[in-house]
Amino acid sequence: MAYLTEQDLTDRIGADEVSRLADRDGDGVADSGVVSKAIAEAEGIIDSYLTGRYVLPLSPMPVILTSLAADLALYNLHPWGAPEEMRQRYKDAVATLGKIAKGDMVLQADRIPTETIPQWGDAGPVLSEPRKRGF
């Protein structure tokens, strides 16, 4: 299942804006494959953060990932430099993905079980030896 579709992106920013951003030859029409390539790049970034923590593909798809994928894809559609607001949204999306990868944010999705390293949100208490606290 994809994190983002072209229709999701169109719903978010409008068809005219998608056409403007994806028109590489200046004919007023979005060029074939430009939007899908930007989306694929965004999904690749997301997968790189989720791999090893979650079973991919995710099902059901967490809504937050659609939003993050949209911000990443919109940044990717600015090949000659994105506006500052878009750069900030990209940075924020990457920071959020970093939190998910570290376990500071937990998605409602199937996680890859680990036997040696407890993850945030795992069932059961996480106990530690009080004498090993580094004091």
N, C-alpha and C. Protein backbone atom coordinates (compact mmCIF):
# COMPACT_ATOMS: atom_id res chain seq x y z
N MET A 1 0.84 -1.18 0.00
CA MET A 1 0.00 0.00 0.00
C MET A 1 0.89 1.24 0.00
N ALA A 2 0.56 2.20 -0.83
CA ALA A 2 1.33 3.43 -0.95
C ALA A 2 1.01 4.40 0.19
N TYR A 3 2.00 5.19 0.57
CA TYR A 3 1.78 6.22 1.59
C TYR A 3 0.99 7.39 1.02
N LEU A 4 1.17 7.65 -0.26
CA LEU A 4 0.59 8.83 -0.89
C LEU A 4 0.28 8.51 -2.34
N THR A 5 -0.85 8.99 -2.83
CA THR A 5 -1.19 8.85 -4.25
C THR A 5 -1.17 10.23 -4.89
N GLU A 6 -1.16 10.24 -6.21
CA GLU A 6 -1.23 11.52 -6.91
C GLU A 6 -2.53 12.25 -6.56
N GLN A 7 -3.61 11.49 -6.37
CA GLN A 7 -4.88 12.12 -6.00
C GLN A 7 -4.80 12.74 -4.60
N ASP A 8 -4.12 12.07 -3.67
CA ASP A 8 -3.92 12.66 -2.34
C ASP A 8 -3.20 13.99 -2.44
N LEU A 9 -2.17 14.03 -3.27
CA LEU A 9 -1.41 15.26 -3.45
C LEU A 9 -2.26 16.35 -4.11
N THR A 10 -3.04 15.96 -5.10
CA THR A 10 -3.93 16.91 -5.77
C THR A 10 -4.98 17.44 -4.80
N ASP A 11 -5.53 16.57 -3.97
CA ASP A 11 -6.51 17.00 -2.97
C ASP A 11 -5.90 17.98 -1.98
N ARG A 12 -4.61 17.81 -1.71
CA ARG A 12 -3.94 18.64 -0.71
C ARG A 12 -3.61 20.04 -1.24
N ILE A 13 -3.12 20.13 -2.48
CA ILE A 13 -2.66 21.44 -2.98
C ILE A 13 -3.40 21.92 -4.23
N GLY A 14 -4.23 21.09 -4.81
CA GLY A 14 -4.99 21.49 -5.99
C GLY A 14 -4.32 21.06 -7.29
N ALA A 15 -5.15 20.81 -8.28
CA ALA A 15 -4.67 20.32 -9.58
C ALA A 15 -3.79 21.35 -10.28
N ASP A 16 -4.14 22.63 -10.18
CA ASP A 16 -3.35 23.67 -10.84
C ASP A 16 -1.93 23.74 -10.28
N GLU A 17 -1.83 23.62 -8.95
CA GLU A 17 -0.50 23.67 -8.33
C GLU A 17 0.32 22.43 -8.67
N VAL A 18 -0.32 21.28 -8.71
CA VAL A 18 0.40 20.06 -9.11
C VAL A 18 0.91 20.21 -10.53
N SER A 19 0.07 20.72 -11.41
CA SER A 19 0.49 20.92 -12.81
C SER A 19 1.64 21.92 -12.90
N ARG A 20 1.57 22.99 -12.13
CA ARG A 20 2.63 24.00 -12.16
C ARG A 20 3.96 23.41 -11.70
N LEU A 21 3.92 22.62 -10.62
CA LEU A 21 5.15 22.05 -10.08
C LEU A 21 5.73 20.92 -10.93
N ALA A 22 4.87 20.19 -11.64
CA ALA A 22 5.32 19.03 -12.40
C ALA A 22 5.48 19.31 -13.89
N ASP A 23 5.33 20.56 -14.29
CA ASP A 23 5.47 20.94 -15.70
C ASP A 23 6.92 21.32 -15.98
N ARG A 24 7.70 20.37 -16.46
CA ARG A 24 9.13 20.61 -16.71
C ARG A 24 9.41 21.21 -18.08
N ASP A 25 8.50 21.01 -19.04
CA ASP A 25 8.76 21.53 -20.39
C ASP A 25 8.00 22.82 -20.70
N GLY A 26 7.25 23.34 -19.72
CA GLY A 26 6.60 24.64 -19.88
C GLY A 26 5.37 24.65 -20.76
N ASP A 27 4.73 23.51 -20.99
CA ASP A 27 3.55 23.49 -21.85
C ASP A 27 2.24 23.63 -21.06
N GLY A 28 2.34 23.83 -19.74
CA GLY A 28 1.15 24.02 -18.92
C GLY A 28 0.50 22.73 -18.44
N VAL A 29 1.11 21.60 -18.75
CA VAL A 29 0.56 20.30 -18.35
C VAL A 29 1.64 19.56 -17.57
N ALA A 30 1.22 18.91 -16.49
CA ALA A 30 2.17 18.11 -15.70
C ALA A 30 2.80 17.05 -16.58
N ASP A 31 4.10 16.97 -16.52
CA ASP A 31 4.82 15.98 -17.33
C ASP A 31 4.67 14.60 -16.72
N SER A 32 4.57 13.63 -17.61
CA SER A 32 4.34 12.25 -17.20
C SER A 32 5.47 11.75 -16.30
N GLY A 33 5.08 11.19 -15.19
CA GLY A 33 6.04 10.56 -14.29
C GLY A 33 6.70 11.48 -13.28
N VAL A 34 6.58 12.79 -13.41
CA VAL A 34 7.27 13.69 -12.49
C VAL A 34 6.68 13.56 -11.08
N VAL A 35 5.36 13.58 -10.99
CA VAL A 35 4.72 13.46 -9.68
C VAL A 35 4.95 12.08 -9.10
N SER A 36 4.82 11.05 -9.91
CA SER A 36 5.02 9.69 -9.39
C SER A 36 6.46 9.48 -8.93
N LYS A 37 7.43 10.11 -9.60
CA LYS A 37 8.82 10.00 -9.17
C LYS A 37 9.03 10.71 -7.84
N ALA A 38 8.44 11.89 -7.68
CA ALA A 38 8.56 12.62 -6.41
C ALA A 38 7.94 11.82 -5.27
N ILE A 39 6.80 11.19 -5.54
CA ILE A 39 6.15 10.36 -4.53
C ILE A 39 7.00 9.13 -4.20
N ALA A 40 7.56 8.50 -5.23
CA ALA A 40 8.41 7.32 -5.00
C ALA A 40 9.63 7.67 -4.16
N GLU A 41 10.23 8.84 -4.41
CA GLU A 41 11.37 9.28 -3.61
C GLU A 41 10.96 9.50 -2.16
N ALA A 42 9.79 10.11 -1.96
CA ALA A 42 9.29 10.34 -0.60
C ALA A 42 9.04 9.02 0.11
N GLU A 43 8.44 8.07 -0.59
CA GLU A 43 8.17 6.77 0.01
C GLU A 43 9.47 6.03 0.34
N GLY A 44 10.48 6.20 -0.49
CA GLY A 44 11.78 5.59 -0.20
C GLY A 44 12.40 6.14 1.07
N ILE A 45 12.26 7.45 1.27
CA ILE A 45 12.76 8.06 2.50
C ILE A 45 12.02 7.49 3.71
N ILE A 46 10.70 7.43 3.61
CA ILE A 46 9.90 6.91 4.73
C ILE A 46 10.28 5.46 5.02
N ASP A 47 10.37 4.64 3.99
CA ASP A 47 10.73 3.23 4.19
C ASP A 47 12.09 3.10 4.86
N SER A 48 13.03 3.98 4.52
CA SER A 48 14.36 3.89 5.12
C SER A 48 14.31 4.11 6.63
N TYR A 49 13.36 4.91 7.11
CA TYR A 49 13.22 5.14 8.54
C TYR A 49 12.42 4.03 9.23
N LEU A 50 11.48 3.41 8.53
CA LEU A 50 10.61 2.41 9.15
C LEU A 50 11.18 1.00 9.08
N THR A 51 12.07 0.75 8.13
CA THR A 51 12.64 -0.59 7.97
C THR A 51 13.38 -0.99 9.23
N GLY A 52 13.12 -2.18 9.69
CA GLY A 52 13.76 -2.68 10.89
C GLY A 52 12.93 -2.47 12.14
N ARG A 53 11.95 -1.57 12.10
CA ARG A 53 11.09 -1.33 13.25
C ARG A 53 9.67 -1.81 12.99
N TYR A 54 9.19 -1.65 11.74
CA TYR A 54 7.82 -2.02 11.39
C TYR A 54 7.81 -3.00 10.23
N VAL A 55 6.78 -3.84 10.21
CA VAL A 55 6.58 -4.77 9.10
C VAL A 55 6.02 -3.96 7.93
N LEU A 56 6.76 -3.96 6.83
CA LEU A 56 6.35 -3.22 5.63
C LEU A 56 5.81 -4.18 4.60
N PRO A 57 4.79 -3.84 3.83
CA PRO A 57 4.06 -2.58 3.86
C PRO A 57 3.12 -2.51 5.06
N LEU A 58 2.92 -1.30 5.55
CA LEU A 58 2.07 -1.08 6.71
C LEU A 58 0.60 -1.28 6.35
N SER A 59 -0.11 -1.90 7.26
CA SER A 59 -1.54 -2.06 7.06
C SER A 59 -2.19 -2.13 8.44
N PRO A 60 -3.09 -1.24 8.75
CA PRO A 60 -3.58 -0.13 7.95
C PRO A 60 -2.55 1.00 7.91
N MET A 61 -2.73 1.88 6.94
CA MET A 61 -1.79 2.98 6.76
C MET A 61 -2.06 4.09 7.78
N PRO A 62 -1.08 4.40 8.63
CA PRO A 62 -1.25 5.52 9.55
C PRO A 62 -1.37 6.84 8.79
N VAL A 63 -2.35 7.64 9.15
CA VAL A 63 -2.63 8.89 8.45
C VAL A 63 -1.43 9.84 8.49
N ILE A 64 -0.67 9.81 9.57
CA ILE A 64 0.47 10.71 9.68
C ILE A 64 1.47 10.48 8.56
N LEU A 65 1.59 9.25 8.08
CA LEU A 65 2.56 8.97 7.02
C LEU A 65 2.13 9.57 5.69
N THR A 66 0.83 9.66 5.45
CA THR A 66 0.36 10.32 4.23
C THR A 66 0.74 11.79 4.26
N SER A 67 0.57 12.41 5.40
CA SER A 67 0.93 13.82 5.55
C SER A 67 2.44 14.02 5.38
N LEU A 68 3.23 13.17 6.00
CA LEU A 68 4.68 13.27 5.88
C LEU A 68 5.13 13.03 4.44
N ALA A 69 4.53 12.04 3.79
CA ALA A 69 4.87 11.75 2.39
C ALA A 69 4.53 12.93 1.50
N ALA A 70 3.42 13.60 1.76
CA ALA A 70 3.05 14.77 0.96
C ALA A 70 4.08 15.87 1.12
N ASP A 71 4.52 16.14 2.33
CA ASP A 71 5.52 17.19 2.55
C ASP A 71 6.84 16.84 1.86
N LEU A 72 7.23 15.57 1.94
CA LEU A 72 8.47 15.14 1.27
C LEU A 72 8.34 15.23 -0.25
N ALA A 73 7.21 14.78 -0.78
CA ALA A 73 7.01 14.80 -2.24
C ALA A 73 6.94 16.23 -2.76
N LEU A 74 6.28 17.11 -2.04
CA LEU A 74 6.21 18.51 -2.48
C LEU A 74 7.59 19.14 -2.51
N TYR A 75 8.40 18.84 -1.55
CA TYR A 75 9.79 19.31 -1.56
C TYR A 75 10.53 18.76 -2.79
N ASN A 76 10.31 17.49 -3.08
CA ASN A 76 10.97 16.86 -4.23
C ASN A 76 10.51 17.46 -5.56
N LEU A 77 9.33 18.06 -5.60
CA LEU A 77 8.84 18.67 -6.83
C LEU A 77 9.45 20.04 -7.10
N HIS A 78 10.30 20.52 -6.23
CA HIS A 78 11.00 21.80 -6.42
C HIS A 78 12.46 21.52 -6.76
N PRO A 79 12.77 21.18 -8.00
CA PRO A 79 14.13 20.76 -8.34
C PRO A 79 15.16 21.89 -8.28
N TRP A 80 14.73 23.13 -8.35
CA TRP A 80 15.69 24.24 -8.37
C TRP A 80 15.63 25.05 -7.09
N GLY A 81 15.20 24.43 -6.03
CA GLY A 81 15.15 25.09 -4.73
C GLY A 81 13.73 25.35 -4.28
N ALA A 82 13.41 24.81 -3.16
CA ALA A 82 12.08 24.96 -2.59
C ALA A 82 12.01 26.24 -1.76
N PRO A 83 10.81 26.82 -1.66
CA PRO A 83 10.65 27.97 -0.77
C PRO A 83 10.97 27.58 0.67
N GLU A 84 11.29 28.57 1.49
CA GLU A 84 11.71 28.29 2.87
C GLU A 84 10.66 27.51 3.66
N GLU A 85 9.38 27.84 3.49
CA GLU A 85 8.33 27.11 4.20
C GLU A 85 8.35 25.63 3.82
N MET A 86 8.54 25.33 2.53
CA MET A 86 8.58 23.94 2.08
C MET A 86 9.82 23.24 2.60
N ARG A 87 10.94 23.95 2.66
CA ARG A 87 12.17 23.37 3.22
C ARG A 87 11.96 23.03 4.69
N GLN A 88 11.28 23.90 5.42
CA GLN A 88 11.03 23.65 6.84
C GLN A 88 10.09 22.47 7.03
N ARG A 89 9.07 22.37 6.19
CA ARG A 89 8.14 21.23 6.29
C ARG A 89 8.89 19.92 6.00
N TYR A 90 9.82 19.94 5.05
CA TYR A 90 10.64 18.77 4.74
C TYR A 90 11.48 18.39 5.96
N LYS A 91 12.14 19.38 6.55
CA LYS A 91 12.96 19.12 7.74
C LYS A 91 12.12 18.57 8.89
N ASP A 92 10.93 19.14 9.08
CA ASP A 92 10.05 18.67 10.13
C ASP A 92 9.60 17.23 9.88
N ALA A 93 9.32 16.90 8.62
CA ALA A 93 8.91 15.54 8.27
C ALA A 93 10.04 14.56 8.56
N VAL A 94 11.26 14.92 8.19
CA VAL A 94 12.41 14.05 8.45
C VAL A 94 12.64 13.90 9.95
N ALA A 95 12.46 14.98 10.70
CA ALA A 95 12.63 14.91 12.16
C ALA A 95 11.57 13.98 12.77
N THR A 96 10.35 14.07 12.28
CA THR A 96 9.29 13.18 12.77
C THR A 96 9.61 11.73 12.44
N LEU A 97 10.09 11.48 11.25
CA LEU A 97 10.47 10.12 10.88
C LEU A 97 11.61 9.61 11.78
N GLY A 98 12.51 10.50 12.13
CA GLY A 98 13.59 10.12 13.04
C GLY A 98 13.05 9.71 14.40
N LYS A 99 12.03 10.43 14.88
CA LYS A 99 11.40 10.07 16.16
C LYS A 99 10.71 8.71 16.07
N ILE A 100 10.08 8.46 14.94
CA ILE A 100 9.43 7.16 14.75
C ILE A 100 10.48 6.05 14.72
N ALA A 101 11.58 6.30 14.02
CA ALA A 101 12.63 5.29 13.91
C ALA A 101 13.27 4.98 15.26
N LYS A 102 13.41 6.00 16.12
CA LYS A 102 14.00 5.80 17.44
C LYS A 102 13.02 5.21 18.44
N GLY A 103 11.73 5.24 18.10
CA GLY A 103 10.72 4.72 19.01
C GLY A 103 10.12 5.78 19.91
N ASP A 104 10.48 7.04 19.71
CA ASP A 104 9.89 8.12 20.51
C ASP A 104 8.44 8.36 20.12
N MET A 105 8.09 8.03 18.90
CA MET A 105 6.70 8.05 18.44
C MET A 105 6.39 6.64 17.96
N VAL A 106 5.20 6.15 18.28
CA VAL A 106 4.82 4.79 17.93
C VAL A 106 3.64 4.82 16.98
N LEU A 107 3.76 4.12 15.87
CA LEU A 107 2.67 4.00 14.92
C LEU A 107 1.78 2.81 15.31
N GLN A 108 0.52 2.92 15.00
CA GLN A 108 -0.39 1.80 15.21
C GLN A 108 -0.27 0.86 14.02
N ALA A 109 0.79 0.08 14.04
CA ALA A 109 1.08 -0.85 12.95
C ALA A 109 1.87 -2.02 13.54
N ASP A 110 1.97 -3.09 12.77
CA ASP A 110 2.71 -4.26 13.22
C ASP A 110 4.20 -3.94 13.28
N ARG A 111 4.77 -4.15 14.47
CA ARG A 111 6.19 -3.91 14.65
C ARG A 111 6.98 -5.20 14.50
N ILE A 112 8.20 -5.06 14.15
CA ILE A 112 9.09 -6.21 14.08
C ILE A 112 9.51 -6.52 15.51
N PRO A 113 9.22 -7.73 15.98
CA PRO A 113 9.54 -8.05 17.37
C PRO A 113 11.05 -8.14 17.59
N THR A 114 11.47 -7.66 18.73
CA THR A 114 12.87 -7.79 19.10
C THR A 114 12.93 -8.54 20.42
N GLU A 115 13.88 -9.42 20.53
CA GLU A 115 14.00 -10.21 21.74
C GLU A 115 14.91 -9.56 22.76
N THR A 116 15.86 -8.76 22.31
CA THR A 116 16.85 -8.23 23.23
C THR A 116 16.63 -6.76 23.56
N ILE A 117 15.99 -5.99 22.69
CA ILE A 117 15.83 -4.57 22.92
C ILE A 117 14.35 -4.24 23.02
N PRO A 118 13.85 -3.91 24.21
CA PRO A 118 12.45 -3.54 24.32
C PRO A 118 12.19 -2.23 23.59
N GLN A 119 11.04 -2.14 22.93
CA GLN A 119 10.66 -0.95 22.20
C GLN A 119 9.53 -0.25 22.93
N TRP A 120 9.48 1.06 22.79
CA TRP A 120 8.39 1.83 23.37
C TRP A 120 7.07 1.28 22.86
N GLY A 121 6.15 1.02 23.75
CA GLY A 121 4.86 0.49 23.35
C GLY A 121 4.78 -1.03 23.38
N ASP A 122 5.91 -1.71 23.67
CA ASP A 122 5.85 -3.17 23.79
C ASP A 122 4.97 -3.54 24.97
N ALA A 123 4.32 -4.68 24.87
CA ALA A 123 3.47 -5.16 25.97
C ALA A 123 4.36 -5.56 27.15
N GLY A 124 3.88 -5.29 28.34
CA GLY A 124 4.60 -5.70 29.53
C GLY A 124 5.56 -4.63 30.00
N PRO A 125 5.93 -4.72 31.27
CA PRO A 125 6.84 -3.71 31.84
C PRO A 125 8.27 -3.92 31.37
N VAL A 126 8.99 -2.84 31.34
CA VAL A 126 10.42 -2.90 31.04
C VAL A 126 11.13 -2.71 32.37
N LEU A 127 11.81 -3.74 32.82
CA LEU A 127 12.47 -3.71 34.11
C LEU A 127 13.97 -3.58 33.93
N SER A 128 14.60 -2.94 34.87
CA SER A 128 16.05 -2.83 34.82
C SER A 128 16.62 -3.16 36.19
N GLU A 129 17.87 -3.52 36.22
CA GLU A 129 18.56 -3.81 37.46
C GLU A 129 18.93 -2.49 38.10
N PRO A 130 18.44 -2.20 39.33
CA PRO A 130 18.68 -0.90 39.93
C PRO A 130 20.16 -0.59 40.16
N ARG A 131 20.98 -1.62 40.34
CA ARG A 131 22.40 -1.38 40.56
C ARG A 131 23.15 -1.03 39.29
N LYS A 132 22.52 -1.11 38.13
CA LYS A 132 23.17 -0.83 36.86
C LYS A 132 22.70 0.48 36.27
N ARG A 133 22.42 1.43 37.09
CA ARG A 133 21.90 2.72 36.60
C ARG A 133 23.01 3.71 36.30
N GLY A 134 24.23 3.39 36.55
CA GLY A 134 25.33 4.28 36.19
C GLY A 134 25.63 5.34 37.23
N PHE A 135 25.17 5.14 38.45
CA PHE A 135 25.45 6.12 39.51
C PHE A 135 26.79 5.86 40.11
